[in-house]
C-alpha cells in the first residue's frame, strides 16, 4: 500500500498504519529510531485536523513510541510536532517526530527544555547532535545523507515485525514503560 507524505509517495518506508494515520521511518534520522507519524489526509497544520484524526494520530504516536522505545532500548522519548514553517516544519504535512532517547545523550537531562526556550526546534536538534553520547559520531545536519530505500525498508520491516509480535502489549491500556 502507498501513502502520500506531502509530495512524496511512501510505500516500503511505512511500518504501521491505521484507518487515519501511518508511521514511517525517517529518511534522515537525527538519532537511531527517529520515526514519523502522520495523518493519512494531507494537511499542513495540526490545528486543521478533525478531532477523530487528532485522536488517531496521537494514539498511533503512543503505540509507535512504545515500540521504538522498546526496540531501540530507549529510556525515554521526545515526541514533537513542528506546526507551521515558523515552528520549524519543513514538510507541508502534519507529522509527529518520535525519537527514542538514551541515558546521557545530552549533557544533562533538562538541557532540551532550555534549548527549546532559546531556539527553534531545528536548532535544538542541532544541539542534540552536538552533545550526543561519547563515542557516537553524529554527522552535522547539512552533511547527513539520505538513507537508501533498502536501509529504510530494512528498518521498516524490523519495526513492522516487532509491532506485530508485541501488538497486544504495545496497545494495552495497562502498558508500563521501563
N, C-alpha and C. Protein backbone atom coordinates (compact mmCIF):
# COMPACT_ATOMS: atom_id res chain seq x y z
N UNK A 1 0.85 -1.18 0.00
CA UNK A 1 0.00 0.00 0.00
C UNK A 1 0.89 1.24 0.00
N UNK A 2 0.47 2.27 -0.69
CA UNK A 2 1.26 3.51 -0.72
C UNK A 2 0.48 4.63 -0.03
N UNK A 3 1.26 5.57 0.50
CA UNK A 3 0.72 6.73 1.20
C UNK A 3 1.40 7.96 0.64
N UNK A 4 0.77 9.10 0.80
CA UNK A 4 1.38 10.37 0.42
C UNK A 4 1.85 11.07 1.69
N UNK A 5 3.12 11.46 1.70
CA UNK A 5 3.68 12.30 2.75
C UNK A 5 4.08 13.59 2.06
N UNK A 6 3.19 14.58 2.12
CA UNK A 6 3.31 15.81 1.36
C UNK A 6 3.35 15.45 -0.12
N UNK A 7 4.43 15.79 -0.82
CA UNK A 7 4.53 15.49 -2.25
C UNK A 7 5.17 14.14 -2.53
N UNK A 8 5.54 13.42 -1.48
CA UNK A 8 6.29 12.17 -1.63
C UNK A 8 5.37 10.97 -1.48
N UNK A 9 5.55 9.99 -2.34
CA UNK A 9 4.85 8.72 -2.18
C UNK A 9 5.74 7.81 -1.35
N UNK A 10 5.18 7.28 -0.26
CA UNK A 10 5.94 6.37 0.60
C UNK A 10 5.24 5.02 0.60
N UNK A 11 6.02 3.99 0.51
CA UNK A 11 5.48 2.63 0.44
C UNK A 11 6.19 1.74 1.46
N UNK A 12 7.37 1.30 1.10
CA UNK A 12 8.11 0.35 1.93
C UNK A 12 8.70 1.00 3.18
N UNK A 13 8.66 2.33 3.26
CA UNK A 13 9.13 3.03 4.45
C UNK A 13 8.09 2.97 5.58
N UNK A 14 6.85 2.66 5.23
CA UNK A 14 5.75 2.63 6.21
C UNK A 14 5.79 1.30 6.95
N UNK A 15 5.75 1.38 8.29
CA UNK A 15 5.79 0.16 9.09
C UNK A 15 4.54 -0.06 9.92
N UNK A 16 3.64 0.93 9.96
CA UNK A 16 2.40 0.76 10.73
C UNK A 16 1.36 1.72 10.16
N UNK A 17 0.10 1.28 10.11
CA UNK A 17 -0.95 2.17 9.65
C UNK A 17 -2.27 1.83 10.32
N UNK A 18 -3.12 2.84 10.39
CA UNK A 18 -4.49 2.70 10.88
C UNK A 18 -5.39 3.27 9.79
N UNK A 19 -6.66 3.38 10.10
CA UNK A 19 -7.61 3.94 9.14
C UNK A 19 -7.28 5.41 8.83
N UNK A 20 -6.71 6.13 9.81
CA UNK A 20 -6.50 7.56 9.64
C UNK A 20 -5.04 8.02 9.71
N UNK A 21 -4.13 7.14 10.10
CA UNK A 21 -2.73 7.54 10.30
C UNK A 21 -1.77 6.48 9.77
N UNK A 22 -0.50 6.86 9.65
CA UNK A 22 0.54 5.90 9.30
C UNK A 22 1.86 6.35 9.92
N UNK A 23 2.76 5.37 10.10
CA UNK A 23 4.09 5.64 10.66
C UNK A 23 5.14 5.18 9.66
N UNK A 24 6.19 5.98 9.51
CA UNK A 24 7.24 5.64 8.57
C UNK A 24 8.60 5.93 9.17
N UNK A 25 9.61 5.24 8.66
CA UNK A 25 10.97 5.51 9.08
C UNK A 25 11.42 6.81 8.43
N UNK A 26 12.41 7.44 9.05
CA UNK A 26 12.85 8.75 8.62
C UNK A 26 13.98 8.64 7.59
N UNK A 27 13.90 9.45 6.56
CA UNK A 27 14.93 9.48 5.53
C UNK A 27 16.28 9.90 6.11
N UNK A 28 16.27 10.89 7.01
CA UNK A 28 17.49 11.41 7.62
C UNK A 28 17.30 11.49 9.13
N UNK A 29 17.32 10.34 9.83
CA UNK A 29 17.06 10.36 11.27
C UNK A 29 18.13 11.12 12.04
N UNK A 30 17.69 11.80 13.09
CA UNK A 30 18.61 12.55 13.95
C UNK A 30 19.34 11.60 14.89
N UNK A 31 18.61 10.69 15.48
CA UNK A 31 19.15 9.65 16.37
C UNK A 31 18.54 8.32 15.95
N UNK A 32 19.16 7.20 16.31
CA UNK A 32 18.59 5.89 15.96
C UNK A 32 17.15 5.75 16.46
N UNK A 33 16.28 5.27 15.59
CA UNK A 33 14.88 5.06 15.94
C UNK A 33 13.98 6.26 15.69
N UNK A 34 14.53 7.36 15.19
CA UNK A 34 13.74 8.56 14.89
C UNK A 34 12.78 8.25 13.74
N UNK A 35 11.49 8.22 14.05
CA UNK A 35 10.46 7.90 13.06
C UNK A 35 9.42 9.01 13.02
N UNK A 36 8.52 8.94 12.06
CA UNK A 36 7.46 9.94 11.90
C UNK A 36 6.10 9.26 11.92
N UNK A 37 5.12 9.95 12.50
CA UNK A 37 3.73 9.50 12.49
C UNK A 37 2.91 10.61 11.85
N UNK A 38 2.09 10.26 10.85
CA UNK A 38 1.38 11.24 10.03
C UNK A 38 -0.09 10.87 9.88
N UNK A 39 -0.94 11.87 9.70
CA UNK A 39 -2.31 11.54 9.31
C UNK A 39 -2.32 11.14 7.84
N UNK A 40 -3.26 10.29 7.46
CA UNK A 40 -3.35 9.91 6.04
C UNK A 40 -3.76 11.11 5.19
N UNK A 41 -4.65 11.93 5.72
CA UNK A 41 -5.08 13.11 4.96
C UNK A 41 -3.93 14.11 4.93
N UNK A 42 -3.65 14.60 3.74
CA UNK A 42 -2.56 15.56 3.58
C UNK A 42 -3.04 16.94 4.00
N UNK A 43 -2.57 17.35 5.15
CA UNK A 43 -2.95 18.66 5.68
C UNK A 43 -1.71 19.24 6.35
N UNK A 44 -1.52 20.53 6.22
CA UNK A 44 -0.29 21.15 6.70
C UNK A 44 -0.21 21.43 8.18
N UNK A 45 -1.35 21.64 8.83
CA UNK A 45 -1.32 22.09 10.22
C UNK A 45 -2.13 21.18 11.13
N UNK A 46 -1.60 20.91 12.30
CA UNK A 46 -2.28 20.13 13.33
C UNK A 46 -3.62 20.77 13.68
N UNK A 47 -3.63 22.09 13.70
CA UNK A 47 -4.84 22.82 14.07
C UNK A 47 -5.97 22.65 13.06
N UNK A 48 -5.67 22.12 11.88
CA UNK A 48 -6.69 21.93 10.85
C UNK A 48 -7.20 20.49 10.76
N UNK A 49 -6.66 19.59 11.59
CA UNK A 49 -7.14 18.20 11.59
C UNK A 49 -8.50 18.11 12.27
N UNK A 50 -9.29 17.15 11.84
CA UNK A 50 -10.56 16.86 12.50
C UNK A 50 -10.26 16.15 13.82
N UNK A 51 -11.19 16.21 14.75
CA UNK A 51 -10.95 15.65 16.09
C UNK A 51 -10.63 14.16 16.03
N UNK A 52 -11.29 13.41 15.16
CA UNK A 52 -11.01 11.97 15.08
C UNK A 52 -9.61 11.72 14.50
N UNK A 53 -9.13 12.63 13.64
CA UNK A 53 -7.77 12.49 13.10
C UNK A 53 -6.73 12.78 14.19
N UNK A 54 -7.00 13.79 15.01
CA UNK A 54 -6.09 14.12 16.11
C UNK A 54 -6.00 12.94 17.07
N UNK A 55 -7.15 12.39 17.44
CA UNK A 55 -7.17 11.26 18.38
C UNK A 55 -6.40 10.08 17.80
N UNK A 56 -6.64 9.74 16.55
CA UNK A 56 -5.96 8.61 15.94
C UNK A 56 -4.46 8.87 15.78
N UNK A 57 -4.10 10.09 15.40
CA UNK A 57 -2.69 10.44 15.23
C UNK A 57 -1.93 10.22 16.53
N UNK A 58 -2.49 10.70 17.64
CA UNK A 58 -1.77 10.58 18.90
C UNK A 58 -1.87 9.20 19.53
N UNK A 59 -2.94 8.47 19.26
CA UNK A 59 -2.98 7.07 19.69
C UNK A 59 -1.95 6.26 18.91
N UNK A 60 -1.81 6.55 17.63
CA UNK A 60 -0.80 5.89 16.81
C UNK A 60 0.60 6.28 17.29
N UNK A 61 0.81 7.57 17.57
CA UNK A 61 2.11 8.02 18.07
C UNK A 61 2.45 7.32 19.39
N UNK A 62 1.45 7.12 20.24
CA UNK A 62 1.69 6.44 21.52
C UNK A 62 2.14 5.00 21.29
N UNK A 63 1.44 4.27 20.44
CA UNK A 63 1.81 2.88 20.17
C UNK A 63 3.19 2.81 19.52
N UNK A 64 3.45 3.66 18.55
CA UNK A 64 4.74 3.68 17.87
C UNK A 64 5.85 4.06 18.85
N UNK A 65 5.58 5.01 19.73
CA UNK A 65 6.57 5.41 20.73
C UNK A 65 6.93 4.24 21.64
N UNK A 66 5.92 3.50 22.07
CA UNK A 66 6.18 2.32 22.89
C UNK A 66 7.06 1.33 22.14
N UNK A 67 6.76 1.14 20.87
CA UNK A 67 7.50 0.17 20.05
C UNK A 67 8.95 0.59 19.86
N UNK A 68 9.20 1.84 19.44
CA UNK A 68 10.59 2.23 19.18
C UNK A 68 11.38 2.36 20.47
N UNK A 69 10.73 2.74 21.55
CA UNK A 69 11.44 2.81 22.83
C UNK A 69 11.93 1.42 23.23
N UNK A 70 11.06 0.42 23.09
CA UNK A 70 11.47 -0.95 23.40
C UNK A 70 12.50 -1.46 22.40
N UNK A 71 12.22 -1.31 21.12
CA UNK A 71 13.08 -1.87 20.08
C UNK A 71 14.50 -1.30 20.15
N UNK A 72 14.61 0.01 20.39
CA UNK A 72 15.92 0.66 20.44
C UNK A 72 16.46 0.77 21.87
N UNK A 73 15.83 0.09 22.81
CA UNK A 73 16.24 0.07 24.20
C UNK A 73 16.37 1.49 24.76
N UNK A 74 15.38 2.33 24.41
CA UNK A 74 15.37 3.70 24.89
C UNK A 74 14.98 3.77 26.36
N UNK A 75 15.29 4.91 26.96
CA UNK A 75 14.94 5.15 28.36
C UNK A 75 13.98 6.33 28.49
N UNK A 76 13.58 6.86 27.37
CA UNK A 76 12.65 7.98 27.32
C UNK A 76 12.40 8.32 25.86
N UNK A 77 11.58 9.32 25.65
CA UNK A 77 11.20 9.70 24.28
C UNK A 77 11.06 11.20 24.16
N UNK A 78 11.33 11.69 22.97
CA UNK A 78 10.87 13.02 22.58
C UNK A 78 9.82 12.79 21.52
N UNK A 79 8.68 13.43 21.71
CA UNK A 79 7.60 13.40 20.72
C UNK A 79 7.30 14.86 20.41
N UNK A 80 7.53 15.25 19.16
CA UNK A 80 7.42 16.66 18.81
C UNK A 80 6.64 16.85 17.53
N UNK A 81 5.88 17.94 17.50
CA UNK A 81 5.18 18.37 16.29
C UNK A 81 5.63 19.79 16.01
N UNK A 82 6.19 20.01 14.85
CA UNK A 82 6.54 21.35 14.41
C UNK A 82 5.37 21.81 13.55
N UNK A 83 4.51 22.65 14.12
CA UNK A 83 3.25 23.02 13.47
C UNK A 83 3.36 24.36 12.76
N UNK A 84 3.74 24.30 11.50
CA UNK A 84 3.88 25.50 10.69
C UNK A 84 5.34 25.84 10.45
N UNK A 85 5.63 26.51 9.34
CA UNK A 85 7.01 26.83 8.98
C UNK A 85 7.77 27.61 10.05
N UNK A 86 7.14 28.55 10.73
CA UNK A 86 7.87 29.31 11.75
C UNK A 86 8.21 28.46 12.97
N UNK A 87 7.57 27.30 13.09
CA UNK A 87 7.88 26.36 14.17
C UNK A 87 8.90 25.32 13.73
N UNK A 88 9.44 25.47 12.53
CA UNK A 88 10.46 24.55 12.03
C UNK A 88 9.95 23.46 11.13
N UNK A 89 8.65 23.47 10.80
CA UNK A 89 8.08 22.44 9.93
C UNK A 89 8.64 22.61 8.52
N UNK A 90 9.30 21.56 8.02
CA UNK A 90 9.93 21.66 6.70
C UNK A 90 9.15 20.92 5.62
N UNK A 91 8.21 20.06 6.01
CA UNK A 91 7.37 19.32 5.07
C UNK A 91 5.93 19.71 5.34
N UNK A 92 5.20 20.12 4.31
CA UNK A 92 3.83 20.61 4.49
C UNK A 92 2.84 19.45 4.63
N UNK A 93 3.02 18.69 5.69
CA UNK A 93 2.12 17.58 6.04
C UNK A 93 2.33 17.35 7.53
N UNK A 94 1.27 17.43 8.31
CA UNK A 94 1.39 17.23 9.75
C UNK A 94 2.14 15.94 10.01
N UNK A 95 3.08 15.98 10.95
CA UNK A 95 3.78 14.77 11.36
C UNK A 95 4.37 14.94 12.75
N UNK A 96 4.35 13.86 13.51
CA UNK A 96 4.97 13.80 14.83
C UNK A 96 6.33 13.14 14.69
N UNK A 97 7.33 13.76 15.24
CA UNK A 97 8.64 13.12 15.35
C UNK A 97 8.63 12.30 16.63
N UNK A 98 8.96 11.03 16.53
CA UNK A 98 9.06 10.16 17.70
C UNK A 98 10.52 9.72 17.77
N UNK A 99 11.20 10.12 18.86
CA UNK A 99 12.64 9.88 18.96
C UNK A 99 12.95 9.20 20.29
N UNK A 100 13.35 7.92 20.24
CA UNK A 100 13.74 7.27 21.49
C UNK A 100 15.05 7.88 22.01
N UNK A 101 15.13 8.02 23.32
CA UNK A 101 16.29 8.67 23.94
C UNK A 101 17.07 7.69 24.79
N UNK A 102 18.33 7.96 24.94
CA UNK A 102 19.24 7.15 25.74
C UNK A 102 19.74 7.97 26.93
N UNK A 103 20.19 7.27 27.95
CA UNK A 103 20.80 7.93 29.09
C UNK A 103 22.06 8.65 28.62
N UNK A 104 22.23 9.88 29.06
CA UNK A 104 23.40 10.71 28.76
C UNK A 104 23.55 11.06 27.28
N UNK A 105 22.45 11.12 26.54
CA UNK A 105 22.61 11.58 25.15
C UNK A 105 22.64 13.11 25.07
N UNK A 106 22.40 13.76 26.20
CA UNK A 106 22.63 15.20 26.35
C UNK A 106 23.53 15.39 27.57
N UNK A 107 24.12 16.56 27.70
CA UNK A 107 25.00 16.81 28.85
C UNK A 107 24.24 16.65 30.16
N UNK A 108 22.99 17.12 30.22
CA UNK A 108 22.13 16.91 31.39
C UNK A 108 20.69 16.84 30.91
N UNK A 109 19.86 16.17 31.68
CA UNK A 109 18.52 15.77 31.22
C UNK A 109 17.65 16.93 30.77
N UNK A 110 17.66 18.04 31.50
CA UNK A 110 16.75 19.15 31.17
C UNK A 110 17.31 20.11 30.13
N UNK A 111 18.47 19.82 29.60
CA UNK A 111 19.06 20.70 28.60
C UNK A 111 18.12 20.92 27.41
N UNK A 112 17.38 19.91 27.07
CA UNK A 112 16.46 20.00 25.94
C UNK A 112 15.46 21.14 26.14
N UNK A 113 14.95 21.28 27.37
CA UNK A 113 13.95 22.32 27.64
C UNK A 113 14.55 23.71 27.55
N UNK A 114 15.77 23.86 28.02
CA UNK A 114 16.44 25.15 27.89
C UNK A 114 16.63 25.50 26.41
N UNK A 115 17.05 24.51 25.65
CA UNK A 115 17.25 24.75 24.22
C UNK A 115 15.94 25.09 23.53
N UNK A 116 14.86 24.43 23.93
CA UNK A 116 13.56 24.73 23.34
C UNK A 116 13.16 26.18 23.61
N UNK A 117 13.47 26.68 24.80
CA UNK A 117 13.12 28.06 25.14
C UNK A 117 13.99 29.08 24.42
N UNK A 118 15.21 28.68 24.06
CA UNK A 118 16.15 29.61 23.46
C UNK A 118 16.14 29.61 21.94
N UNK A 119 15.79 28.47 21.34
CA UNK A 119 15.98 28.31 19.90
C UNK A 119 14.77 27.64 19.28
N UNK A 120 14.75 27.65 17.96
CA UNK A 120 13.72 26.87 17.29
C UNK A 120 14.09 25.39 17.35
N UNK A 121 13.15 24.53 16.99
CA UNK A 121 13.35 23.09 17.13
C UNK A 121 14.52 22.60 16.28
N UNK A 122 14.72 23.18 15.11
CA UNK A 122 15.86 22.76 14.29
C UNK A 122 17.18 23.00 15.01
N UNK A 123 17.28 24.12 15.72
CA UNK A 123 18.49 24.40 16.50
C UNK A 123 18.63 23.41 17.65
N UNK A 124 17.51 23.07 18.29
CA UNK A 124 17.55 22.08 19.37
C UNK A 124 18.12 20.77 18.85
N UNK A 125 17.61 20.29 17.73
CA UNK A 125 18.10 19.03 17.19
C UNK A 125 19.58 19.14 16.81
N UNK A 126 20.00 20.31 16.36
CA UNK A 126 21.41 20.50 16.08
C UNK A 126 22.23 20.36 17.36
N UNK A 127 21.75 20.94 18.46
CA UNK A 127 22.44 20.81 19.74
C UNK A 127 22.44 19.37 20.24
N UNK A 128 21.34 18.67 20.06
CA UNK A 128 21.27 17.26 20.46
C UNK A 128 22.37 16.48 19.75
N UNK A 129 22.50 16.71 18.46
CA UNK A 129 23.53 16.00 17.70
C UNK A 129 24.93 16.34 18.21
N UNK A 130 25.16 17.61 18.58
CA UNK A 130 26.49 18.02 19.03
C UNK A 130 26.86 17.40 20.37
N UNK A 131 25.87 17.12 21.22
CA UNK A 131 26.15 16.63 22.56
C UNK A 131 25.74 15.18 22.73
N UNK A 132 25.77 14.43 21.66
CA UNK A 132 25.35 13.02 21.71
C UNK A 132 26.33 12.18 22.52
N UNK A 133 25.93 10.95 22.77
CA UNK A 133 26.75 10.02 23.54
C UNK A 133 28.21 10.05 23.11
N UNK A 134 29.12 10.01 24.12
CA UNK A 134 30.54 9.93 23.80
C UNK A 134 30.79 8.71 22.94
N UNK A 135 31.63 8.88 21.96
CA UNK A 135 31.96 7.76 21.10
C UNK A 135 30.99 7.59 19.94
N UNK A 136 29.86 8.30 19.98
CA UNK A 136 28.91 8.24 18.88
C UNK A 136 29.20 9.41 17.97
N UNK A 137 29.51 9.13 16.75
CA UNK A 137 29.84 10.19 15.83
C UNK A 137 28.61 10.52 15.00
N UNK A 138 28.02 11.67 15.28
CA UNK A 138 26.84 12.08 14.54
C UNK A 138 27.25 13.15 13.53
N UNK A 139 26.72 13.05 12.37
CA UNK A 139 27.07 13.92 11.26
C UNK A 139 26.26 15.21 11.34
N UNK A 140 26.88 16.37 11.10
CA UNK A 140 26.13 17.63 11.08
C UNK A 140 24.96 17.55 10.09
N UNK A 141 23.88 18.28 10.40
CA UNK A 141 22.67 18.21 9.60
C UNK A 141 22.93 18.40 8.11
N UNK A 142 23.73 19.41 7.79
CA UNK A 142 23.97 19.69 6.37
C UNK A 142 24.75 18.57 5.69
N UNK A 143 25.43 17.74 6.47
CA UNK A 143 26.19 16.63 5.90
C UNK A 143 25.46 15.29 5.99
N UNK A 144 24.30 15.27 6.66
CA UNK A 144 23.57 14.00 6.77
C UNK A 144 23.07 13.60 5.39
N UNK A 145 23.42 12.42 4.98
CA UNK A 145 23.00 11.91 3.68
C UNK A 145 21.71 11.11 3.84
N UNK A 146 20.81 11.23 2.89
CA UNK A 146 19.59 10.42 2.95
C UNK A 146 19.96 8.93 2.92
N UNK A 147 19.20 8.15 3.65
CA UNK A 147 19.42 6.71 3.64
C UNK A 147 18.87 6.13 2.35
N UNK A 148 19.37 4.97 2.00
CA UNK A 148 18.89 4.30 0.79
C UNK A 148 17.51 3.70 1.06
N UNK A 149 16.80 3.43 0.00
CA UNK A 149 15.50 2.77 0.13
C UNK A 149 15.68 1.42 0.82
N UNK A 150 16.75 0.72 0.50
CA UNK A 150 17.00 -0.59 1.11
C UNK A 150 17.19 -0.46 2.63
N UNK A 151 17.93 0.55 3.06
CA UNK A 151 18.13 0.76 4.50
C UNK A 151 16.81 1.07 5.19
N UNK A 152 16.02 1.94 4.57
CA UNK A 152 14.74 2.31 5.18
C UNK A 152 13.78 1.12 5.19
N UNK A 153 13.77 0.36 4.11
CA UNK A 153 12.89 -0.81 4.04
C UNK A 153 13.27 -1.85 5.09
N UNK A 154 14.57 -2.04 5.30
CA UNK A 154 15.03 -3.00 6.32
C UNK A 154 14.55 -2.58 7.70
N UNK A 155 14.73 -1.29 8.03
CA UNK A 155 14.28 -0.81 9.34
C UNK A 155 12.76 -0.92 9.46
N UNK A 156 12.04 -0.53 8.42
CA UNK A 156 10.57 -0.60 8.46
C UNK A 156 10.11 -2.04 8.65
N UNK A 157 10.73 -2.98 7.98
CA UNK A 157 10.36 -4.39 8.13
C UNK A 157 10.59 -4.86 9.55
N UNK A 158 11.72 -4.51 10.13
CA UNK A 158 12.02 -4.91 11.51
C UNK A 158 11.02 -4.31 12.49
N UNK A 159 10.68 -3.04 12.31
CA UNK A 159 9.72 -2.40 13.20
C UNK A 159 8.32 -2.98 13.01
N UNK A 160 7.94 -3.23 11.77
CA UNK A 160 6.63 -3.84 11.49
C UNK A 160 6.53 -5.20 12.18
N UNK A 161 7.55 -6.02 12.04
CA UNK A 161 7.55 -7.34 12.66
C UNK A 161 7.54 -7.24 14.19
N UNK A 162 8.26 -6.26 14.73
CA UNK A 162 8.28 -6.06 16.17
C UNK A 162 6.89 -5.69 16.68
N UNK A 163 6.23 -4.76 15.99
CA UNK A 163 4.88 -4.35 16.40
C UNK A 163 3.92 -5.52 16.29
N UNK A 164 3.99 -6.26 15.21
CA UNK A 164 3.10 -7.43 15.05
C UNK A 164 3.32 -8.43 16.18
N UNK A 165 4.56 -8.69 16.54
CA UNK A 165 4.87 -9.68 17.58
C UNK A 165 4.50 -9.20 18.98
N UNK A 166 4.46 -7.89 19.19
CA UNK A 166 4.22 -7.33 20.52
C UNK A 166 2.96 -6.47 20.59
N UNK A 167 2.08 -6.59 19.60
CA UNK A 167 0.93 -5.68 19.49
C UNK A 167 0.06 -5.68 20.75
N UNK A 168 -0.22 -6.84 21.29
CA UNK A 168 -1.09 -6.91 22.46
C UNK A 168 -0.52 -6.09 23.61
N UNK A 169 0.76 -6.24 23.86
CA UNK A 169 1.42 -5.48 24.93
C UNK A 169 1.46 -3.99 24.60
N UNK A 170 1.87 -3.64 23.37
CA UNK A 170 2.03 -2.25 22.98
C UNK A 170 0.71 -1.48 22.99
N UNK A 171 -0.39 -2.16 22.72
CA UNK A 171 -1.69 -1.48 22.65
C UNK A 171 -2.48 -1.59 23.95
N UNK A 172 -1.90 -2.18 24.96
CA UNK A 172 -2.60 -2.39 26.23
C UNK A 172 -2.86 -1.09 26.98
N UNK A 173 -4.04 -0.99 27.57
CA UNK A 173 -4.36 0.15 28.43
C UNK A 173 -3.51 0.13 29.70
N UNK A 174 -2.94 -1.02 30.01
CA UNK A 174 -2.14 -1.19 31.23
C UNK A 174 -0.64 -1.21 30.95
N UNK A 175 -0.23 -0.69 29.80
CA UNK A 175 1.18 -0.68 29.41
C UNK A 175 2.01 0.08 30.44
N UNK A 176 3.17 -0.45 30.76
CA UNK A 176 4.10 0.22 31.68
C UNK A 176 5.44 0.39 30.98
N UNK A 177 5.95 1.62 30.98
CA UNK A 177 7.28 1.89 30.43
C UNK A 177 8.33 1.36 31.38
N UNK A 178 9.55 1.21 30.86
CA UNK A 178 10.67 0.74 31.70
C UNK A 178 10.95 1.72 32.81
